[in-house]
Amino acid sequence: MTSDRPKRREPSVPRGVAIALVLLSIESAGWMLLGTLLVVGGVIVLCGGSGLPGIVNDPIGGWVVGVGIVIAMIGGWGLLTGWSMRQPSRSISISVLLFCGAWIAVGVLLVRIATTPIPGIVTITVNAVVFIALLAPSSSRATFHRTTITASPGRSNAERPRVLAPAIH
């Protein structure tokens, strides 16, 4: 049977925003997993399970646990931001851009100090794609700059002032 009611169309998400959402979610989940594994590995080292003779376990394990917690927290920030992108706003856009900027800086650091530049290059590339997907297409930028106007008590729609997102200079 077919329904006579017209189908309700969901508002379309620009392709750039969809790409950014998928990449941000995958990247954040990966960082959260890496952070968790670092915490587990650090705890094993703290318990004396490193098996490396002549290495003091406490400082190494403590550093690994600390770095793991920071990475897992940043991964959680990315997952929350990615989830929040389903209802785009200017603050979510800023959060995504800050997240990507932080990981691009980490990627540059990895390229400079790591034994292989590949993880840094991958980190820089993924976050640069998210940056470009959010900033380059005008439809993506417009998605995050729309404002929703809610009803004010005591005012009709005609009396309510229209507030647009402030321009950043």
N, C-alpha and C. Protein backbone atom coordinates (compact mmCIF):
# COMPACT_ATOMS: atom_id res chain seq x y z
N MET A 1 0.82 -1.17 0.00
CA MET A 1 0.00 0.00 0.00
C MET A 1 0.88 1.24 0.00
N THR A 2 0.43 2.21 -0.69
CA THR A 2 1.15 3.48 -0.71
C THR A 2 0.39 4.49 0.12
N SER A 3 1.11 5.33 0.73
CA SER A 3 0.50 6.36 1.57
C SER A 3 0.27 7.62 0.75
N ASP A 4 -0.84 8.29 1.03
CA ASP A 4 -1.15 9.53 0.33
C ASP A 4 -0.41 10.72 0.92
N ARG A 5 0.15 10.53 2.12
CA ARG A 5 0.89 11.62 2.73
C ARG A 5 2.20 11.86 2.00
N PRO A 6 2.55 13.09 1.81
CA PRO A 6 3.86 13.34 1.18
C PRO A 6 4.97 12.95 2.15
N LYS A 7 6.03 12.38 1.59
CA LYS A 7 7.16 11.99 2.42
C LYS A 7 7.91 13.22 2.90
N ARG A 8 8.28 13.16 4.14
CA ARG A 8 9.01 14.27 4.73
C ARG A 8 10.48 14.13 4.39
N ARG A 9 11.02 15.13 3.75
CA ARG A 9 12.42 15.09 3.38
C ARG A 9 13.26 15.64 4.51
N GLU A 10 14.29 14.90 4.82
CA GLU A 10 15.25 15.40 5.80
C GLU A 10 16.08 16.50 5.15
N PRO A 11 16.49 17.49 5.92
CA PRO A 11 17.32 18.52 5.31
C PRO A 11 18.63 17.90 4.84
N SER A 12 19.01 18.23 3.64
CA SER A 12 20.22 17.63 3.08
C SER A 12 21.46 18.25 3.72
N VAL A 13 22.42 17.39 3.94
CA VAL A 13 23.69 17.82 4.51
C VAL A 13 24.66 17.99 3.35
N PRO A 14 25.33 19.12 3.27
CA PRO A 14 26.30 19.29 2.19
C PRO A 14 27.36 18.19 2.22
N ARG A 15 27.84 17.83 1.06
CA ARG A 15 28.80 16.74 0.93
C ARG A 15 30.05 17.00 1.76
N GLY A 16 30.52 18.25 1.80
CA GLY A 16 31.71 18.57 2.58
C GLY A 16 31.52 18.30 4.07
N VAL A 17 30.34 18.64 4.57
CA VAL A 17 30.05 18.40 5.99
C VAL A 17 29.97 16.90 6.26
N ALA A 18 29.36 16.15 5.35
CA ALA A 18 29.26 14.70 5.52
C ALA A 18 30.65 14.05 5.53
N ILE A 19 31.52 14.49 4.62
CA ILE A 19 32.88 13.95 4.58
C ILE A 19 33.62 14.29 5.87
N ALA A 20 33.49 15.53 6.31
CA ALA A 20 34.15 15.95 7.55
C ALA A 20 33.64 15.14 8.74
N LEU A 21 32.34 14.90 8.79
CA LEU A 21 31.76 14.14 9.89
C LEU A 21 32.30 12.72 9.94
N VAL A 22 32.36 12.07 8.80
CA VAL A 22 32.86 10.68 8.75
C VAL A 22 34.33 10.64 9.13
N LEU A 23 35.15 11.50 8.53
CA LEU A 23 36.58 11.50 8.84
C LEU A 23 36.85 11.84 10.30
N LEU A 24 36.13 12.83 10.81
CA LEU A 24 36.32 13.22 12.21
C LEU A 24 35.94 12.09 13.16
N SER A 25 34.87 11.39 12.88
CA SER A 25 34.44 10.28 13.73
C SER A 25 35.44 9.13 13.71
N ILE A 26 35.91 8.77 12.52
CA ILE A 26 36.89 7.68 12.40
C ILE A 26 38.19 8.06 13.08
N GLU A 27 38.67 9.27 12.82
CA GLU A 27 39.92 9.71 13.41
C GLU A 27 39.82 9.76 14.94
N SER A 28 38.74 10.31 15.45
CA SER A 28 38.57 10.43 16.90
C SER A 28 38.49 9.08 17.57
N ALA A 29 37.77 8.15 16.94
CA ALA A 29 37.69 6.80 17.51
C ALA A 29 39.08 6.15 17.53
N GLY A 30 39.86 6.37 16.47
CA GLY A 30 41.22 5.83 16.43
C GLY A 30 42.10 6.42 17.52
N TRP A 31 42.02 7.74 17.73
CA TRP A 31 42.82 8.36 18.78
C TRP A 31 42.37 7.90 20.16
N MET A 32 41.08 7.72 20.33
CA MET A 32 40.58 7.25 21.62
C MET A 32 41.08 5.82 21.90
N LEU A 33 41.07 4.98 20.87
CA LEU A 33 41.58 3.62 21.02
C LEU A 33 43.08 3.63 21.33
N LEU A 34 43.84 4.46 20.61
CA LEU A 34 45.28 4.55 20.86
C LEU A 34 45.55 5.03 22.28
N GLY A 35 44.82 6.04 22.73
CA GLY A 35 44.99 6.55 24.09
C GLY A 35 44.70 5.48 25.13
N THR A 36 43.63 4.71 24.91
CA THR A 36 43.29 3.63 25.83
C THR A 36 44.37 2.56 25.85
N LEU A 37 44.89 2.22 24.69
CA LEU A 37 45.97 1.23 24.63
C LEU A 37 47.24 1.73 25.32
N LEU A 38 47.52 3.02 25.18
CA LEU A 38 48.67 3.59 25.88
C LEU A 38 48.49 3.54 27.40
N VAL A 39 47.29 3.80 27.86
CA VAL A 39 47.02 3.71 29.30
C VAL A 39 47.22 2.28 29.78
N VAL A 40 46.69 1.32 29.06
CA VAL A 40 46.84 -0.09 29.44
C VAL A 40 48.32 -0.48 29.41
N GLY A 41 49.03 -0.08 28.35
CA GLY A 41 50.46 -0.39 28.26
C GLY A 41 51.25 0.27 29.37
N GLY A 42 50.92 1.50 29.71
CA GLY A 42 51.60 2.20 30.80
C GLY A 42 51.38 1.53 32.14
N VAL A 43 50.15 1.05 32.35
CA VAL A 43 49.86 0.34 33.61
C VAL A 43 50.65 -0.96 33.68
N ILE A 44 50.79 -1.64 32.55
CA ILE A 44 51.58 -2.88 32.53
C ILE A 44 53.04 -2.57 32.88
N VAL A 45 53.57 -1.48 32.32
CA VAL A 45 54.95 -1.09 32.63
C VAL A 45 55.07 -0.70 34.10
N LEU A 46 54.07 0.01 34.62
CA LEU A 46 54.10 0.41 36.03
C LEU A 46 54.08 -0.81 36.95
N CYS A 47 53.44 -1.87 36.49
CA CYS A 47 53.38 -3.09 37.29
C CYS A 47 54.64 -3.94 37.13
N GLY A 48 55.61 -3.46 36.37
CA GLY A 48 56.86 -4.19 36.21
C GLY A 48 56.86 -5.18 35.07
N GLY A 49 55.95 -5.04 34.15
CA GLY A 49 55.85 -6.00 33.06
C GLY A 49 56.58 -5.63 31.80
N SER A 50 57.51 -4.65 31.86
CA SER A 50 58.18 -4.24 30.63
C SER A 50 59.21 -5.26 30.18
N GLY A 51 59.83 -5.94 31.12
CA GLY A 51 60.82 -6.95 30.77
C GLY A 51 62.11 -6.38 30.24
N LEU A 52 62.32 -5.08 30.31
CA LEU A 52 63.54 -4.46 29.82
C LEU A 52 64.49 -4.25 31.00
N PRO A 53 65.64 -4.95 31.01
CA PRO A 53 66.56 -4.80 32.14
C PRO A 53 67.19 -3.41 32.15
N GLY A 54 67.35 -2.87 33.34
CA GLY A 54 68.02 -1.59 33.49
C GLY A 54 67.14 -0.39 33.26
N ILE A 55 65.86 -0.58 33.00
CA ILE A 55 64.95 0.54 32.79
C ILE A 55 64.07 0.69 34.02
N VAL A 56 64.04 1.89 34.56
CA VAL A 56 63.18 2.16 35.71
C VAL A 56 61.75 2.23 35.19
N ASN A 57 60.90 1.41 35.75
CA ASN A 57 59.53 1.29 35.23
C ASN A 57 58.64 2.47 35.58
N ASP A 58 58.83 3.07 36.75
CA ASP A 58 57.90 4.10 37.20
C ASP A 58 57.83 5.32 36.29
N PRO A 59 58.93 5.98 35.94
CA PRO A 59 58.80 7.18 35.11
C PRO A 59 58.25 6.89 33.71
N ILE A 60 58.69 5.80 33.11
CA ILE A 60 58.23 5.47 31.76
C ILE A 60 56.74 5.16 31.77
N GLY A 61 56.32 4.32 32.70
CA GLY A 61 54.91 3.97 32.78
C GLY A 61 54.04 5.18 33.08
N GLY A 62 54.51 6.05 33.97
CA GLY A 62 53.76 7.25 34.31
C GLY A 62 53.59 8.17 33.12
N TRP A 63 54.66 8.36 32.35
CA TRP A 63 54.57 9.20 31.15
C TRP A 63 53.62 8.60 30.13
N VAL A 64 53.71 7.29 29.95
CA VAL A 64 52.85 6.63 28.96
C VAL A 64 51.39 6.74 29.37
N VAL A 65 51.11 6.52 30.65
CA VAL A 65 49.73 6.64 31.13
C VAL A 65 49.24 8.08 30.96
N GLY A 66 50.06 9.06 31.31
CA GLY A 66 49.67 10.46 31.17
C GLY A 66 49.39 10.84 29.72
N VAL A 67 50.27 10.45 28.83
CA VAL A 67 50.07 10.75 27.40
C VAL A 67 48.83 10.02 26.88
N GLY A 68 48.64 8.78 27.32
CA GLY A 68 47.46 8.02 26.90
C GLY A 68 46.17 8.67 27.34
N ILE A 69 46.14 9.18 28.57
CA ILE A 69 44.93 9.85 29.06
C ILE A 69 44.65 11.11 28.25
N VAL A 70 45.69 11.88 27.95
CA VAL A 70 45.50 13.11 27.16
C VAL A 70 44.99 12.76 25.76
N ILE A 71 45.59 11.77 25.13
CA ILE A 71 45.16 11.39 23.77
C ILE A 71 43.73 10.86 23.78
N ALA A 72 43.38 10.04 24.78
CA ALA A 72 42.01 9.52 24.87
C ALA A 72 41.01 10.65 25.11
N MET A 73 41.38 11.63 25.92
CA MET A 73 40.48 12.76 26.17
C MET A 73 40.28 13.59 24.91
N ILE A 74 41.33 13.82 24.15
CA ILE A 74 41.21 14.58 22.90
C ILE A 74 40.38 13.79 21.89
N GLY A 75 40.57 12.46 21.87
CA GLY A 75 39.73 11.62 21.01
C GLY A 75 38.27 11.71 21.40
N GLY A 76 37.99 11.74 22.71
CA GLY A 76 36.62 11.91 23.19
C GLY A 76 36.04 13.25 22.78
N TRP A 77 36.87 14.30 22.85
CA TRP A 77 36.44 15.63 22.39
C TRP A 77 36.04 15.56 20.92
N GLY A 78 36.85 14.87 20.11
CA GLY A 78 36.53 14.75 18.69
C GLY A 78 35.24 13.98 18.46
N LEU A 79 35.02 12.90 19.23
CA LEU A 79 33.78 12.14 19.07
C LEU A 79 32.56 12.98 19.47
N LEU A 80 32.67 13.70 20.56
CA LEU A 80 31.56 14.57 20.97
C LEU A 80 31.29 15.65 19.93
N THR A 81 32.36 16.22 19.40
CA THR A 81 32.20 17.25 18.38
C THR A 81 31.59 16.66 17.12
N GLY A 82 32.07 15.47 16.73
CA GLY A 82 31.50 14.81 15.55
C GLY A 82 30.02 14.51 15.73
N TRP A 83 29.64 14.05 16.92
CA TRP A 83 28.24 13.78 17.20
C TRP A 83 27.43 15.07 17.15
N SER A 84 28.00 16.14 17.66
CA SER A 84 27.30 17.43 17.68
C SER A 84 27.16 18.03 16.29
N MET A 85 27.97 17.60 15.34
CA MET A 85 27.88 18.14 13.97
C MET A 85 26.56 17.78 13.31
N ARG A 86 25.82 16.85 13.89
CA ARG A 86 24.52 16.49 13.33
C ARG A 86 23.54 17.66 13.43
N GLN A 87 23.77 18.54 14.41
CA GLN A 87 23.00 19.77 14.56
C GLN A 87 23.99 20.93 14.46
N PRO A 88 24.39 21.31 13.26
CA PRO A 88 25.48 22.26 13.10
C PRO A 88 25.19 23.64 13.70
N SER A 89 26.24 24.20 14.26
CA SER A 89 26.17 25.57 14.78
C SER A 89 27.56 26.18 14.63
N ARG A 90 27.64 27.45 14.88
CA ARG A 90 28.93 28.15 14.76
C ARG A 90 29.93 27.61 15.78
N SER A 91 29.49 27.33 17.01
CA SER A 91 30.40 26.83 18.03
C SER A 91 30.93 25.45 17.68
N ILE A 92 30.12 24.62 17.07
CA ILE A 92 30.58 23.29 16.65
C ILE A 92 31.61 23.43 15.54
N SER A 93 31.37 24.35 14.62
CA SER A 93 32.34 24.60 13.55
C SER A 93 33.69 25.03 14.13
N ILE A 94 33.66 25.91 15.10
CA ILE A 94 34.90 26.36 15.74
C ILE A 94 35.58 25.21 16.47
N SER A 95 34.80 24.37 17.13
CA SER A 95 35.36 23.22 17.84
C SER A 95 36.06 22.25 16.87
N VAL A 96 35.41 21.99 15.73
CA VAL A 96 36.02 21.11 14.73
C VAL A 96 37.32 21.71 14.20
N LEU A 97 37.31 23.00 13.92
CA LEU A 97 38.51 23.64 13.39
C LEU A 97 39.63 23.65 14.42
N LEU A 98 39.31 23.86 15.70
CA LEU A 98 40.33 23.80 16.74
C LEU A 98 40.88 22.39 16.89
N PHE A 99 40.00 21.40 16.84
CA PHE A 99 40.42 19.99 16.93
C PHE A 99 41.39 19.66 15.79
N CYS A 100 41.00 20.02 14.58
CA CYS A 100 41.86 19.72 13.42
C CYS A 100 43.18 20.50 13.49
N GLY A 101 43.11 21.75 13.92
CA GLY A 101 44.34 22.54 14.06
C GLY A 101 45.29 21.93 15.07
N ALA A 102 44.75 21.44 16.19
CA ALA A 102 45.59 20.79 17.20
C ALA A 102 46.26 19.54 16.64
N TRP A 103 45.50 18.73 15.90
CA TRP A 103 46.09 17.50 15.36
C TRP A 103 47.03 17.78 14.19
N ILE A 104 46.83 18.85 13.45
CA ILE A 104 47.81 19.22 12.42
C ILE A 104 49.13 19.59 13.09
N ALA A 105 49.05 20.32 14.20
CA ALA A 105 50.28 20.66 14.95
C ALA A 105 50.96 19.40 15.47
N VAL A 106 50.17 18.46 15.99
CA VAL A 106 50.75 17.19 16.44
C VAL A 106 51.37 16.44 15.26
N GLY A 107 50.71 16.48 14.11
CA GLY A 107 51.25 15.81 12.92
C GLY A 107 52.58 16.40 12.50
N VAL A 108 52.70 17.73 12.54
CA VAL A 108 53.97 18.39 12.21
C VAL A 108 55.05 17.95 13.21
N LEU A 109 54.68 17.88 14.48
CA LEU A 109 55.62 17.42 15.50
C LEU A 109 56.04 15.97 15.25
N LEU A 110 55.09 15.12 14.87
CA LEU A 110 55.42 13.72 14.58
C LEU A 110 56.36 13.61 13.37
N VAL A 111 56.13 14.42 12.36
CA VAL A 111 57.01 14.38 11.18
C VAL A 111 58.43 14.76 11.57
N ARG A 112 58.57 15.72 12.47
CA ARG A 112 59.90 16.21 12.84
C ARG A 112 60.64 15.27 13.78
N ILE A 113 59.93 14.63 14.74
CA ILE A 113 60.66 13.87 15.76
C ILE A 113 60.52 12.36 15.66
N ALA A 114 59.52 11.87 14.95
CA ALA A 114 59.32 10.42 14.89
C ALA A 114 60.36 9.77 13.99
N THR A 115 60.56 8.46 14.20
CA THR A 115 61.52 7.73 13.37
C THR A 115 61.03 7.59 11.94
N THR A 116 59.72 7.61 11.75
CA THR A 116 59.16 7.59 10.40
C THR A 116 58.12 8.71 10.31
N PRO A 117 58.09 9.44 9.22
CA PRO A 117 57.15 10.56 9.11
C PRO A 117 55.74 10.14 8.72
N ILE A 118 55.51 8.87 8.45
CA ILE A 118 54.22 8.44 7.91
C ILE A 118 53.04 8.77 8.85
N PRO A 119 53.10 8.47 10.17
CA PRO A 119 51.95 8.83 11.01
C PRO A 119 51.66 10.32 11.01
N GLY A 120 52.69 11.14 11.00
CA GLY A 120 52.49 12.58 10.98
C GLY A 120 51.86 13.03 9.68
N ILE A 121 52.31 12.47 8.57
CA ILE A 121 51.76 12.84 7.26
C ILE A 121 50.29 12.44 7.17
N VAL A 122 49.95 11.24 7.67
CA VAL A 122 48.55 10.79 7.65
C VAL A 122 47.70 11.70 8.52
N THR A 123 48.19 12.05 9.70
CA THR A 123 47.45 12.94 10.60
C THR A 123 47.22 14.30 9.96
N ILE A 124 48.25 14.85 9.36
CA ILE A 124 48.13 16.16 8.70
C ILE A 124 47.13 16.07 7.54
N THR A 125 47.22 15.02 6.74
CA THR A 125 46.36 14.88 5.57
C THR A 125 44.89 14.75 5.96
N VAL A 126 44.58 13.89 6.92
CA VAL A 126 43.18 13.68 7.33
C VAL A 126 42.60 14.99 7.86
N ASN A 127 43.34 15.68 8.70
CA ASN A 127 42.81 16.92 9.28
C ASN A 127 42.75 18.04 8.26
N ALA A 128 43.66 18.05 7.30
CA ALA A 128 43.59 19.06 6.24
C ALA A 128 42.36 18.82 5.36
N VAL A 129 42.02 17.55 5.11
CA VAL A 129 40.82 17.25 4.33
C VAL A 129 39.57 17.72 5.07
N VAL A 130 39.53 17.51 6.39
CA VAL A 130 38.38 17.98 7.18
C VAL A 130 38.30 19.51 7.12
N PHE A 131 39.46 20.17 7.27
CA PHE A 131 39.51 21.63 7.16
C PHE A 131 38.93 22.09 5.82
N ILE A 132 39.43 21.52 4.75
CA ILE A 132 39.01 21.93 3.41
C ILE A 132 37.53 21.62 3.19
N ALA A 133 37.09 20.45 3.67
CA ALA A 133 35.68 20.07 3.49
C ALA A 133 34.74 21.03 4.20
N LEU A 134 35.20 21.60 5.33
CA LEU A 134 34.35 22.53 6.07
C LEU A 134 34.47 23.97 5.60
N LEU A 135 35.64 24.34 5.09
CA LEU A 135 35.86 25.74 4.77
C LEU A 135 35.73 26.07 3.29
N ALA A 136 36.04 25.14 2.41
CA ALA A 136 36.08 25.46 0.98
C ALA A 136 34.70 25.62 0.35
N PRO A 137 33.82 24.62 0.45
CA PRO A 137 32.53 24.80 -0.22
C PRO A 137 31.66 25.82 0.51
N SER A 138 31.03 26.70 -0.23
CA SER A 138 30.18 27.71 0.41
C SER A 138 28.99 27.06 1.09
N SER A 139 28.52 25.92 0.58
CA SER A 139 27.38 25.24 1.23
C SER A 139 27.77 24.73 2.61
N SER A 140 29.02 24.28 2.78
CA SER A 140 29.47 23.81 4.09
C SER A 140 29.56 24.97 5.06
N ARG A 141 30.12 26.07 4.62
CA ARG A 141 30.23 27.24 5.50
C ARG A 141 28.84 27.74 5.89
N ALA A 142 27.93 27.75 4.93
CA ALA A 142 26.58 28.24 5.20
C ALA A 142 25.86 27.35 6.20
N THR A 143 26.15 26.05 6.19
CA THR A 143 25.50 25.14 7.12
C THR A 143 25.78 25.52 8.55
N PHE A 144 27.00 25.92 8.86
CA PHE A 144 27.37 26.24 10.22
C PHE A 144 27.05 27.68 10.60
N HIS A 145 26.66 28.49 9.66
CA HIS A 145 26.38 29.89 9.96
C HIS A 145 24.90 30.21 9.98
N ARG A 146 24.06 29.19 9.75
CA ARG A 146 22.62 29.39 9.85
C ARG A 146 22.26 29.58 11.31
N THR A 147 21.27 30.38 11.55
CA THR A 147 20.78 30.53 12.92
C THR A 147 19.33 30.12 12.96
N THR A 148 18.93 29.56 14.06
CA THR A 148 17.53 29.23 14.24
C THR A 148 16.93 30.29 15.15
N ILE A 149 15.80 30.75 14.77
CA ILE A 149 15.14 31.81 15.53
C ILE A 149 13.97 31.16 16.27
N THR A 150 13.99 31.27 17.56
CA THR A 150 12.93 30.69 18.37
C THR A 150 11.94 31.77 18.76
N ALA A 151 10.76 31.34 19.10
CA ALA A 151 9.72 32.29 19.47
C ALA A 151 10.03 32.92 20.82
N SER A 152 9.82 34.22 20.89
CA SER A 152 9.99 34.93 22.15
C SER A 152 8.63 35.09 22.79
N PRO A 153 8.53 34.91 24.11
CA PRO A 153 7.23 35.09 24.74
C PRO A 153 6.76 36.54 24.61
N GLY A 154 5.51 36.71 24.25
CA GLY A 154 4.93 38.04 24.18
C GLY A 154 5.17 38.75 22.87
N ARG A 155 5.88 38.14 21.95
CA ARG A 155 6.14 38.79 20.67
C ARG A 155 5.65 37.90 19.54
N SER A 156 5.13 38.54 18.52
CA SER A 156 4.76 37.77 17.34
C SER A 156 5.99 37.65 16.44
N ASN A 157 5.88 36.80 15.45
CA ASN A 157 7.00 36.62 14.53
C ASN A 157 7.37 37.92 13.83
N ALA A 158 6.38 38.76 13.55
CA ALA A 158 6.66 40.02 12.85
C ALA A 158 7.42 41.00 13.74
N GLU A 159 7.20 40.94 15.06
CA GLU A 159 7.86 41.87 15.97
C GLU A 159 9.24 41.41 16.39
N ARG A 160 9.50 40.12 16.26
CA ARG A 160 10.75 39.57 16.75
C ARG A 160 11.90 39.98 15.84
N PRO A 161 12.98 40.51 16.40
CA PRO A 161 14.11 40.91 15.56
C PRO A 161 14.82 39.67 15.02
N ARG A 162 15.28 39.78 13.81
CA ARG A 162 16.04 38.70 13.18
C ARG A 162 17.51 38.88 13.55
N VAL A 163 18.11 37.85 14.10
CA VAL A 163 19.49 37.93 14.51
C VAL A 163 20.30 37.00 13.63
N LEU A 164 21.26 37.54 12.98
CA LEU A 164 22.14 36.74 12.14
C LEU A 164 23.46 36.51 12.86
N ALA A 165 24.17 35.49 12.46
CA ALA A 165 25.45 35.20 13.08
C ALA A 165 26.40 36.36 12.84
N PRO A 166 27.12 36.78 13.89
CA PRO A 166 28.03 37.90 13.71
C PRO A 166 29.20 37.53 12.81
N ALA A 167 29.65 38.47 12.04
CA ALA A 167 30.79 38.24 11.16
C ALA A 167 32.08 38.35 11.95
N ILE A 168 33.01 37.47 11.65
CA ILE A 168 34.31 37.51 12.30
C ILE A 168 35.26 38.28 11.41
N HIS A 169 35.87 39.31 11.97
CA HIS A 169 36.78 40.15 11.18
C HIS A 169 38.19 39.83 11.52
